[in-house]
Amino acid sequence: MFTDDDFADWYPADGRRGLSPARLAMVSVLQYAEDLTDRQAAEAVRCRPDWKYCLGLALDDPGFDRSVLCELRDRMAQTTVRTGCSP
């Protein structure tokens, strides 16, 4: 559904490699579909095999901190403001 190239302008080209923005966007879609909080969505990524499968993660993937989802939304909002596009 998403590729990291879709989000290339949101992240610097250098520095420490982070989580896949395309994967985080998919987490946001799943989060919205199930009406989950950031904490619940991060927990689903850590514990639910169906989410891991959908995201292409190994069953032993440790997931991520819930604050990452908020950061993704912040980047989305900044891009929307800069480009004048509707979210």
N, C-alpha and C. Protein backbone atom coordinates (compact mmCIF):
# COMPACT_ATOMS: atom_id res chain seq x y z
N MET A 1 0.82 -1.18 0.00
CA MET A 1 0.00 0.00 0.00
C MET A 1 0.88 1.26 0.00
N PHE A 2 1.94 1.26 0.81
CA PHE A 2 2.86 2.40 0.89
C PHE A 2 4.29 1.92 0.65
N THR A 3 5.13 2.84 0.20
CA THR A 3 6.57 2.56 0.11
C THR A 3 7.31 3.66 0.84
N ASP A 4 8.53 3.38 1.26
CA ASP A 4 9.32 4.40 1.96
C ASP A 4 9.57 5.62 1.08
N ASP A 5 9.62 5.42 -0.23
CA ASP A 5 9.82 6.55 -1.15
C ASP A 5 8.68 7.56 -1.07
N ASP A 6 7.49 7.11 -0.70
CA ASP A 6 6.35 8.02 -0.55
C ASP A 6 6.59 9.06 0.54
N PHE A 7 7.51 8.76 1.45
CA PHE A 7 7.77 9.62 2.60
C PHE A 7 9.19 10.18 2.61
N ALA A 8 9.88 10.13 1.48
CA ALA A 8 11.29 10.53 1.42
C ALA A 8 11.52 11.97 1.86
N ASP A 9 10.61 12.87 1.55
CA ASP A 9 10.79 14.27 1.92
C ASP A 9 10.60 14.53 3.42
N TRP A 10 10.06 13.58 4.14
CA TRP A 10 9.77 13.76 5.56
C TRP A 10 10.98 13.48 6.44
N TYR A 11 11.97 12.77 5.92
CA TYR A 11 13.09 12.31 6.73
C TYR A 11 14.41 12.71 6.08
N PRO A 12 15.42 13.02 6.90
CA PRO A 12 16.73 13.36 6.34
C PRO A 12 17.38 12.14 5.68
N ALA A 13 18.23 12.40 4.72
CA ALA A 13 18.89 11.31 4.00
C ALA A 13 20.05 10.72 4.80
N ASP A 14 20.58 11.48 5.74
CA ASP A 14 21.71 10.99 6.53
C ASP A 14 21.26 10.76 7.98
N GLY A 15 22.15 10.21 8.76
CA GLY A 15 21.83 9.97 10.16
C GLY A 15 21.45 8.52 10.40
N ARG A 16 21.02 8.28 11.62
CA ARG A 16 20.67 6.93 12.03
C ARG A 16 19.42 6.47 11.29
N ARG A 17 19.47 5.25 10.83
CA ARG A 17 18.31 4.68 10.14
C ARG A 17 17.20 4.42 11.15
N GLY A 18 16.00 4.84 10.80
CA GLY A 18 14.87 4.68 11.70
C GLY A 18 13.92 3.60 11.23
N LEU A 19 12.74 3.63 11.76
CA LEU A 19 11.71 2.70 11.36
C LEU A 19 11.18 3.06 9.98
N SER A 20 10.71 2.09 9.27
CA SER A 20 10.17 2.31 7.94
C SER A 20 8.94 3.21 8.00
N PRO A 21 8.98 4.39 7.36
CA PRO A 21 7.81 5.25 7.38
C PRO A 21 6.60 4.62 6.70
N ALA A 22 6.81 3.80 5.70
CA ALA A 22 5.69 3.12 5.04
C ALA A 22 5.03 2.15 6.01
N ARG A 23 5.85 1.45 6.79
CA ARG A 23 5.32 0.51 7.77
C ARG A 23 4.55 1.27 8.86
N LEU A 24 5.09 2.40 9.29
CA LEU A 24 4.40 3.21 10.30
C LEU A 24 3.08 3.75 9.77
N ALA A 25 3.04 4.11 8.50
CA ALA A 25 1.80 4.58 7.90
C ALA A 25 0.76 3.46 7.91
N MET A 26 1.21 2.24 7.64
CA MET A 26 0.29 1.10 7.66
C MET A 26 -0.20 0.85 9.08
N VAL A 27 0.66 1.02 10.07
CA VAL A 27 0.23 0.89 11.46
C VAL A 27 -0.87 1.92 11.74
N SER A 28 -0.70 3.12 11.23
CA SER A 28 -1.71 4.17 11.44
C SER A 28 -3.05 3.78 10.82
N VAL A 29 -3.01 3.14 9.67
CA VAL A 29 -4.24 2.68 9.02
C VAL A 29 -4.92 1.61 9.88
N LEU A 30 -4.14 0.65 10.35
CA LEU A 30 -4.69 -0.40 11.21
C LEU A 30 -5.21 0.19 12.52
N GLN A 31 -4.48 1.14 13.05
CA GLN A 31 -4.89 1.81 14.29
C GLN A 31 -6.24 2.49 14.11
N TYR A 32 -6.39 3.20 13.01
CA TYR A 32 -7.65 3.88 12.73
C TYR A 32 -8.79 2.86 12.53
N ALA A 33 -8.51 1.80 11.79
CA ALA A 33 -9.53 0.80 11.50
C ALA A 33 -10.05 0.13 12.77
N GLU A 34 -9.17 -0.02 13.76
CA GLU A 34 -9.58 -0.69 15.00
C GLU A 34 -9.85 0.30 16.13
N ASP A 35 -9.77 1.60 15.83
CA ASP A 35 -10.03 2.65 16.81
C ASP A 35 -9.19 2.46 18.08
N LEU A 36 -7.87 2.40 17.89
CA LEU A 36 -6.93 2.16 18.99
C LEU A 36 -6.17 3.43 19.34
N THR A 37 -5.76 3.53 20.58
CA THR A 37 -4.85 4.60 20.99
C THR A 37 -3.45 4.26 20.48
N ASP A 38 -2.54 5.23 20.57
CA ASP A 38 -1.15 4.96 20.18
C ASP A 38 -0.57 3.81 21.01
N ARG A 39 -0.85 3.84 22.30
CA ARG A 39 -0.34 2.78 23.19
C ARG A 39 -0.87 1.41 22.76
N GLN A 40 -2.16 1.34 22.46
CA GLN A 40 -2.76 0.07 22.05
C GLN A 40 -2.22 -0.40 20.70
N ALA A 41 -2.00 0.53 19.78
CA ALA A 41 -1.47 0.17 18.46
C ALA A 41 -0.04 -0.35 18.59
N ALA A 42 0.80 0.32 19.39
CA ALA A 42 2.18 -0.14 19.60
C ALA A 42 2.18 -1.52 20.24
N GLU A 43 1.27 -1.75 21.17
CA GLU A 43 1.15 -3.07 21.81
C GLU A 43 0.71 -4.12 20.80
N ALA A 44 -0.20 -3.77 19.89
CA ALA A 44 -0.64 -4.71 18.86
C ALA A 44 0.52 -5.09 17.95
N VAL A 45 1.38 -4.14 17.62
CA VAL A 45 2.55 -4.44 16.79
C VAL A 45 3.48 -5.41 17.53
N ARG A 46 3.62 -5.25 18.83
CA ARG A 46 4.49 -6.13 19.62
C ARG A 46 3.91 -7.53 19.80
N CYS A 47 2.58 -7.63 19.93
CA CYS A 47 1.98 -8.88 20.42
C CYS A 47 1.08 -9.64 19.45
N ARG A 48 0.54 -8.97 18.46
CA ARG A 48 -0.47 -9.63 17.63
C ARG A 48 0.13 -10.18 16.33
N PRO A 49 0.05 -11.49 16.15
CA PRO A 49 0.60 -12.09 14.93
C PRO A 49 -0.06 -11.58 13.66
N ASP A 50 -1.36 -11.24 13.70
CA ASP A 50 -2.03 -10.75 12.49
C ASP A 50 -1.45 -9.41 12.07
N TRP A 51 -1.15 -8.54 13.03
CA TRP A 51 -0.54 -7.25 12.70
C TRP A 51 0.88 -7.47 12.19
N LYS A 52 1.64 -8.34 12.82
CA LYS A 52 3.01 -8.61 12.38
C LYS A 52 3.01 -9.12 10.93
N TYR A 53 2.07 -10.01 10.62
CA TYR A 53 1.96 -10.53 9.27
C TYR A 53 1.64 -9.42 8.28
N CYS A 54 0.66 -8.60 8.61
CA CYS A 54 0.25 -7.50 7.74
C CYS A 54 1.40 -6.52 7.50
N LEU A 55 2.22 -6.32 8.52
CA LEU A 55 3.34 -5.38 8.42
C LEU A 55 4.62 -6.01 7.89
N GLY A 56 4.60 -7.32 7.67
CA GLY A 56 5.78 -8.01 7.17
C GLY A 56 6.89 -8.12 8.21
N LEU A 57 6.51 -8.24 9.48
CA LEU A 57 7.48 -8.33 10.57
C LEU A 57 7.65 -9.78 11.02
N ALA A 58 8.81 -10.07 11.55
CA ALA A 58 9.04 -11.38 12.14
C ALA A 58 8.24 -11.49 13.44
N LEU A 59 7.90 -12.70 13.81
CA LEU A 59 7.11 -12.89 15.02
C LEU A 59 7.84 -12.42 16.28
N ASP A 60 9.16 -12.38 16.23
CA ASP A 60 9.92 -11.94 17.40
C ASP A 60 10.32 -10.46 17.32
N ASP A 61 9.76 -9.73 16.36
CA ASP A 61 10.07 -8.29 16.25
C ASP A 61 9.61 -7.58 17.53
N PRO A 62 10.46 -6.74 18.11
CA PRO A 62 10.12 -6.09 19.38
C PRO A 62 9.15 -4.93 19.28
N GLY A 63 8.86 -4.47 18.07
CA GLY A 63 7.96 -3.33 17.91
C GLY A 63 8.66 -2.01 18.16
N PHE A 64 7.92 -1.02 18.61
CA PHE A 64 8.47 0.32 18.81
C PHE A 64 7.70 1.04 19.90
N ASP A 65 8.22 2.17 20.32
CA ASP A 65 7.56 2.98 21.34
C ASP A 65 6.38 3.72 20.71
N ARG A 66 5.34 3.89 21.47
CA ARG A 66 4.12 4.55 20.98
C ARG A 66 4.36 5.98 20.51
N SER A 67 5.39 6.64 21.03
CA SER A 67 5.67 8.03 20.65
C SER A 67 6.01 8.17 19.17
N VAL A 68 6.44 7.08 18.55
CA VAL A 68 6.79 7.11 17.12
C VAL A 68 5.56 7.45 16.28
N LEU A 69 4.40 6.99 16.68
CA LEU A 69 3.17 7.28 15.92
C LEU A 69 2.82 8.76 15.98
N CYS A 70 3.01 9.35 17.11
CA CYS A 70 2.77 10.79 17.27
C CYS A 70 3.74 11.58 16.39
N GLU A 71 5.00 11.16 16.38
CA GLU A 71 6.00 11.83 15.54
C GLU A 71 5.64 11.74 14.07
N LEU A 72 5.12 10.59 13.64
CA LEU A 72 4.69 10.43 12.25
C LEU A 72 3.57 11.41 11.92
N ARG A 73 2.59 11.52 12.81
CA ARG A 73 1.48 12.46 12.58
C ARG A 73 1.99 13.90 12.55
N ASP A 74 2.95 14.23 13.41
CA ASP A 74 3.53 15.58 13.40
C ASP A 74 4.19 15.88 12.06
N ARG A 75 4.95 14.92 11.55
CA ARG A 75 5.60 15.11 10.24
C ARG A 75 4.55 15.27 9.14
N MET A 76 3.49 14.49 9.22
CA MET A 76 2.41 14.59 8.23
C MET A 76 1.78 15.98 8.28
N ALA A 77 1.52 16.47 9.48
CA ALA A 77 0.90 17.79 9.64
C ALA A 77 1.82 18.89 9.12
N GLN A 78 3.12 18.78 9.37
CA GLN A 78 4.07 19.79 8.89
C GLN A 78 4.13 19.79 7.37
N THR A 79 4.11 18.62 6.77
CA THR A 79 4.14 18.52 5.31
C THR A 79 2.86 19.08 4.72
N THR A 80 1.73 18.83 5.35
CA THR A 80 0.45 19.32 4.87
C THR A 80 0.43 20.86 4.91
N VAL A 81 0.94 21.43 5.97
CA VAL A 81 0.98 22.89 6.10
C VAL A 81 1.91 23.50 5.06
N ARG A 82 3.09 22.90 4.86
CA ARG A 82 4.06 23.42 3.91
C ARG A 82 3.55 23.37 2.48
N THR A 83 2.87 22.29 2.13
CA THR A 83 2.44 22.12 0.74
C THR A 83 1.05 22.66 0.48
N GLY A 84 0.31 22.94 1.54
CA GLY A 84 -1.06 23.43 1.37
C GLY A 84 -2.04 22.35 0.99
N CYS A 85 -1.65 21.09 1.16
CA CYS A 85 -2.53 19.97 0.83
C CYS A 85 -3.41 19.63 2.01
N SER A 86 -4.57 19.10 1.72
CA SER A 86 -5.45 18.63 2.77
C SER A 86 -4.98 17.27 3.25
N PRO A 87 -5.14 16.97 4.54
CA PRO A 87 -4.71 15.67 5.04
C PRO A 87 -5.57 14.56 4.49
